[in-house]
Amino acid sequence: MKYFEFGQENEPTLLLLHGADTTWQLSFSRLIEAAKTKYHIIAVAEDGFNPDEPDVQATSVTDEARKIAEYLVRHFGGRIDIILGESLGGMIMTEILLDPRIKVHTAIADGFTILEYPPFKHDLPKRITAGMLADVQLFGFRHMGLFSRLLGEDIDSMIYKEASRTTLYNLEYSMMPYRYKYEAFGLADSYIWHGEKEPGLRHVLKKIDRSKYHFKHKVFLNRGRGSLLLEPERLMHEIALAYRGYDKDYRAR
């Protein structure tokens, strides 16, 4: 795992966590170019999705979070102003928030998705399912047009197609079973963002009881999953709004 910092002389600190099947460059290069004069940016090159470390494989969401938390403790005293976690990065973010050494002001989970698997009682079905799902993702890399339609956005430009089957398998296997740590949202000023076209939007809102778990939700109209990454100035504006604190839940155009 590697870490890339920009605008070290600036405040506040902004930690960027990319999703699965992409890289920090593909996801955040536009945002970094626009924001490096305003924020001290820490972009994480997560295991299994870093062209500079082709032999390093991802093992699990919790392992990724542990490594990042240890880096934050060593280099920032465990204090970060803003975390932006995209998709799987939002899940990693919740694990980081639960580390008692870490203090975060604003936590944003963009494209937060709940992937629930059946309660496997034996290891063999888990291994078979993880292998099938890894193969589906590899298939998707070669047919991004179909996946773009399902996700409501043209995401081909942000896909890292060199991810190994081992990394994809390990991540899928580590999710069976995985308990989502919704209580982590109460440890920061937390936000969940979705594009209106995302297929998992209603499932997330139905699953997470907002009367029990602390977060504010924002839906971006006429957009798909992660589409704000293609609009760096708008994304900077939304990050700044979240850092100042939304007055209420609302929809954005």
Protein backbone atom coordinates (compact mmCIF):
# COMPACT_ATOMS: atom_id res chain seq x y z
CA MET A 1 0.00 0.00 0.00
CA LYS A 2 1.25 3.45 -0.91
CA TYR A 3 0.18 6.96 0.00
CA PHE A 4 0.43 10.06 -2.16
CA GLU A 5 0.19 13.53 -0.66
CA PHE A 6 -0.53 16.85 -2.34
CA GLY A 7 -0.73 20.38 -0.94
CA GLN A 8 1.06 19.44 2.28
CA GLU A 9 1.23 23.11 3.27
CA ASN A 10 -2.57 23.41 3.30
CA GLU A 11 -5.37 22.68 5.72
CA PRO A 12 -7.76 20.95 6.14
CA THR A 13 -6.65 17.37 5.52
CA LEU A 14 -8.62 15.33 2.97
CA LEU A 15 -8.22 11.55 2.83
CA LEU A 16 -9.32 9.92 -0.44
CA LEU A 17 -10.32 6.24 -0.53
CA HIS A 18 -11.16 4.82 -3.95
CA GLY A 19 -13.55 1.97 -4.67
CA ALA A 20 -12.94 -1.51 -6.02
CA ASP A 21 -11.89 -2.02 -9.64
CA THR A 22 -10.27 1.41 -9.91
CA THR A 23 -7.17 3.28 -8.73
CA TRP A 24 -6.51 6.52 -6.91
CA GLN A 25 -5.34 8.11 -10.16
CA LEU A 26 -8.34 7.03 -12.21
CA SER A 27 -10.80 8.10 -9.53
CA PHE A 28 -9.27 11.21 -8.06
CA SER A 29 -6.78 12.81 -10.49
CA ARG A 30 -9.33 15.46 -11.55
CA LEU A 31 -10.28 16.28 -7.98
CA ILE A 32 -6.65 16.40 -6.81
CA GLU A 33 -5.68 18.84 -9.55
CA ALA A 34 -8.53 21.15 -8.57
CA ALA A 35 -8.23 20.77 -4.79
CA LYS A 36 -4.50 20.58 -4.09
CA THR A 37 -4.25 24.33 -3.51
CA LYS A 38 -6.98 24.19 -0.84
CA TYR A 39 -6.53 20.87 0.97
CA HIS A 40 -3.74 18.70 2.26
CA ILE A 41 -4.71 15.61 0.25
CA ILE A 42 -3.78 12.03 1.14
CA ALA A 43 -4.68 9.62 -1.67
CA VAL A 44 -4.41 5.93 -0.81
CA ALA A 45 -3.24 3.40 -3.41
CA GLU A 46 -5.13 0.43 -2.00
CA ASP A 47 -3.72 -3.08 -2.23
CA GLY A 48 -4.56 -4.91 -5.42
CA PHE A 49 -5.39 -1.71 -7.30
CA ASN A 50 -1.98 -0.09 -7.56
CA PRO A 51 -0.07 -0.35 -10.85
CA ASP A 52 3.14 0.45 -8.91
CA GLU A 53 2.73 -2.73 -6.83
CA PRO A 54 1.42 -5.36 -9.28
CA ASP A 55 2.38 -8.28 -7.02
CA VAL A 56 0.52 -6.97 -3.95
CA GLN A 57 -2.96 -8.42 -3.51
CA ALA A 58 -5.86 -7.14 -1.43
CA THR A 59 -6.89 -9.44 1.40
CA SER A 60 -9.93 -7.88 3.09
CA VAL A 61 -11.74 -4.65 3.85
CA THR A 62 -10.72 -4.80 7.51
CA ASP A 63 -7.06 -5.36 6.64
CA GLU A 64 -7.05 -2.37 4.31
CA ALA A 65 -8.63 -0.21 7.02
CA ARG A 66 -6.11 -1.37 9.62
CA LYS A 67 -3.14 -0.42 7.43
CA ILE A 68 -4.58 3.00 6.62
CA ALA A 69 -5.42 3.72 10.27
CA GLU A 70 -1.87 2.86 11.32
CA TYR A 71 -0.51 5.26 8.68
CA LEU A 72 -2.81 8.02 9.92
CA VAL A 73 -1.69 7.48 13.51
CA ARG A 74 2.00 7.56 12.55
CA HIS A 75 1.85 10.59 10.28
CA PHE A 76 -1.15 12.64 11.45
CA GLY A 77 -1.62 11.66 15.07
CA GLY A 78 -4.83 9.90 14.04
CA ARG A 79 -6.61 13.16 13.20
CA ILE A 80 -8.13 13.81 9.77
CA ASP A 81 -10.54 16.58 8.85
CA ILE A 82 -12.37 14.93 5.93
CA ILE A 83 -12.58 11.42 4.49
CA LEU A 84 -14.15 10.85 1.08
CA GLY A 85 -14.75 7.13 0.52
CA GLU A 86 -16.02 6.03 -2.88
CA SER A 87 -18.10 2.83 -3.00
CA LEU A 88 -15.90 0.18 -1.33
CA GLY A 89 -13.85 3.07 0.03
CA GLY A 90 -16.90 4.08 2.05
CA MET A 91 -16.94 0.66 3.67
CA ILE A 92 -13.23 0.95 4.47
CA MET A 93 -14.00 4.38 5.89
CA THR A 94 -16.48 2.97 8.42
CA GLU A 95 -13.84 0.53 9.66
CA ILE A 96 -11.33 3.38 10.05
CA LEU A 97 -13.85 5.47 12.00
CA LEU A 98 -14.27 2.66 14.52
CA ASP A 99 -10.58 2.66 15.36
CA PRO A 100 -10.39 4.46 18.74
CA ARG A 101 -7.09 6.09 17.73
CA ILE A 102 -8.72 7.92 14.81
CA LYS A 103 -10.64 11.20 15.04
CA VAL A 104 -12.43 12.47 11.93
CA HIS A 105 -14.49 15.65 11.56
CA THR A 106 -16.41 14.87 8.33
CA ALA A 107 -16.94 11.44 6.76
CA ILE A 108 -18.49 11.08 3.29
CA ALA A 109 -19.50 7.73 1.79
CA ASP A 110 -20.22 8.35 -1.89
CA GLY A 111 -22.08 5.55 -3.68
CA PHE A 112 -22.40 3.56 -0.45
CA THR A 113 -23.64 0.10 -1.39
CA ILE A 114 -24.77 -2.79 0.80
CA LEU A 115 -23.78 -6.19 -0.58
CA GLU A 116 -25.35 -8.89 1.55
CA TYR A 117 -24.56 -12.55 1.09
CA PRO A 118 -26.48 -15.57 2.40
CA PRO A 119 -25.26 -16.97 5.73
CA PHE A 120 -22.97 -19.74 4.49
CA LYS A 121 -22.46 -22.48 7.06
CA HIS A 122 -19.54 -24.13 5.27
CA ASP A 123 -16.43 -22.86 3.59
CA LEU A 124 -16.83 -24.55 0.22
CA PRO A 125 -19.97 -22.60 -0.84
CA LYS A 126 -18.20 -19.38 0.20
CA ARG A 127 -15.22 -20.23 -1.99
CA ILE A 128 -17.39 -21.17 -4.95
CA THR A 129 -19.46 -17.98 -4.66
CA ALA A 130 -16.40 -15.76 -4.25
CA GLY A 131 -14.84 -17.33 -7.33
CA MET A 132 -17.99 -16.81 -9.40
CA LEU A 133 -18.26 -13.18 -8.36
CA ALA A 134 -14.59 -12.55 -9.16
CA ASP A 135 -15.14 -14.03 -12.61
CA VAL A 136 -18.20 -11.81 -13.13
CA GLN A 137 -16.08 -8.74 -12.41
CA LEU A 138 -13.37 -9.88 -14.81
CA PHE A 139 -16.09 -10.40 -17.42
CA GLY A 140 -17.36 -6.90 -16.67
CA PHE A 141 -13.96 -5.38 -17.41
CA ARG A 142 -14.34 -6.64 -20.98
CA HIS A 143 -17.97 -5.53 -21.31
CA MET A 144 -18.10 -2.17 -19.55
CA GLY A 145 -20.91 -0.91 -21.76
CA LEU A 146 -23.35 -3.29 -20.04
CA PHE A 147 -22.15 -2.40 -16.55
CA SER A 148 -22.27 1.32 -17.30
CA ARG A 149 -25.94 1.01 -18.21
CA LEU A 150 -26.65 -0.93 -14.99
CA LEU A 151 -24.89 1.66 -12.83
CA GLY A 152 -26.41 4.62 -14.65
CA GLU A 153 -23.09 6.19 -15.61
CA ASP A 154 -20.26 5.75 -18.11
CA ILE A 155 -17.55 4.54 -15.72
CA ASP A 156 -15.20 2.89 -18.21
CA SER A 157 -12.65 5.69 -17.85
CA MET A 158 -12.33 4.96 -14.12
CA ILE A 159 -11.97 1.17 -14.28
CA TYR A 160 -8.62 -0.48 -13.51
CA LYS A 161 -8.73 -3.54 -15.73
CA GLU A 162 -5.49 -5.08 -14.46
CA ALA A 163 -6.86 -6.11 -11.06
CA SER A 164 -6.08 -9.78 -10.47
CA ARG A 165 -8.57 -12.54 -9.88
CA THR A 166 -6.82 -13.18 -6.53
CA THR A 167 -7.56 -9.66 -5.30
CA LEU A 168 -11.16 -9.79 -6.47
CA TYR A 169 -11.62 -13.24 -4.95
CA ASN A 170 -10.10 -12.21 -1.62
CA LEU A 171 -12.35 -9.18 -1.29
CA GLU A 172 -15.48 -11.15 -2.15
CA TYR A 173 -14.53 -13.98 0.21
CA SER A 174 -13.85 -11.54 3.06
CA MET A 175 -17.40 -10.21 2.67
CA MET A 176 -18.95 -13.58 3.59
CA PRO A 177 -20.04 -12.88 6.22
CA TYR A 178 -19.47 -9.19 6.83
CA ARG A 179 -21.45 -7.06 9.26
CA TYR A 180 -21.80 -3.48 8.10
CA LYS A 181 -20.67 -1.09 10.83
CA TYR A 182 -23.42 1.52 10.58
CA GLU A 183 -22.65 2.70 14.10
CA ALA A 184 -19.45 4.22 12.70
CA PHE A 185 -21.52 7.04 11.19
CA GLY A 186 -22.11 8.34 14.71
CA LEU A 187 -18.40 8.95 15.23
CA ALA A 188 -18.11 11.85 12.78
CA ASP A 189 -20.25 14.36 10.95
CA SER A 190 -21.30 11.72 8.42
CA TYR A 191 -22.87 11.83 4.97
CA ILE A 192 -24.03 9.27 2.44
CA TRP A 193 -24.22 10.40 -1.17
CA HIS A 194 -25.96 8.70 -4.08
CA GLY A 195 -26.68 9.44 -7.69
CA GLU A 196 -30.37 9.27 -8.50
CA LYS A 197 -29.68 6.60 -11.16
CA GLU A 198 -27.89 4.20 -8.82
CA PRO A 199 -29.67 0.84 -8.63
CA GLY A 200 -28.82 0.29 -4.95
CA LEU A 201 -30.14 3.63 -3.68
CA ARG A 202 -33.50 2.45 -2.32
CA HIS A 203 -31.99 -0.68 -0.80
CA VAL A 204 -29.51 1.34 1.24
CA LEU A 205 -32.16 3.75 2.53
CA LYS A 206 -34.45 0.87 3.41
CA LYS A 207 -31.72 -1.07 5.17
CA ILE A 208 -30.19 1.71 7.27
CA ASP A 209 -32.51 3.04 9.97
CA ARG A 210 -31.82 6.77 10.05
CA SER A 211 -33.53 7.06 13.45
CA LYS A 212 -30.90 4.71 14.84
CA TYR A 213 -27.76 5.60 12.87
CA HIS A 214 -26.43 9.12 12.51
CA PHE A 215 -25.87 10.36 8.97
CA LYS A 216 -27.28 12.85 6.48
CA HIS A 217 -28.22 11.74 3.00
CA LYS A 218 -27.94 13.57 -0.30
CA VAL A 219 -29.18 12.45 -3.72
CA PHE A 220 -27.72 14.00 -6.86
CA LEU A 221 -30.36 14.19 -9.57
CA ASN A 222 -29.72 12.84 -13.07
CA ARG A 223 -26.43 11.28 -12.02
CA GLY A 224 -25.12 7.77 -11.64
CA ARG A 225 -22.70 6.22 -9.23
CA GLY A 226 -19.57 8.26 -8.58
CA SER A 227 -20.39 10.71 -11.37
CA LEU A 228 -19.23 13.71 -9.31
CA LEU A 229 -15.68 12.42 -9.77
CA LEU A 230 -16.00 13.66 -13.35
CA GLU A 231 -17.04 17.13 -12.10
CA PRO A 232 -14.15 18.23 -9.85
CA GLU A 233 -15.33 21.79 -9.21
CA ARG A 234 -18.80 20.57 -8.23
CA LEU A 235 -17.27 17.83 -6.08
CA MET A 236 -15.09 20.40 -4.29
CA HIS A 237 -18.19 22.50 -3.64
CA GLU A 238 -20.05 19.52 -2.16
CA ILE A 239 -17.11 18.55 0.04
CA ALA A 240 -16.95 22.11 1.36
CA LEU A 241 -20.69 22.10 2.09
CA ALA A 242 -20.38 18.85 4.00
CA TYR A 243 -17.41 20.12 5.98
CA ARG A 244 -19.41 23.19 7.03
CA GLY A 245 -22.42 20.98 7.79
CA TYR A 246 -25.70 20.57 5.93
CA ASP A 247 -28.71 22.12 7.60
CA LYS A 248 -30.96 19.27 6.48
CA ASP A 249 -31.27 16.38 4.04
CA TYR A 250 -32.00 17.60 0.54
CA ARG A 251 -31.72 16.80 -3.13
CA ALA A 252 -29.21 18.51 -5.39
CA ARG A 253 -29.42 19.13 -9.11
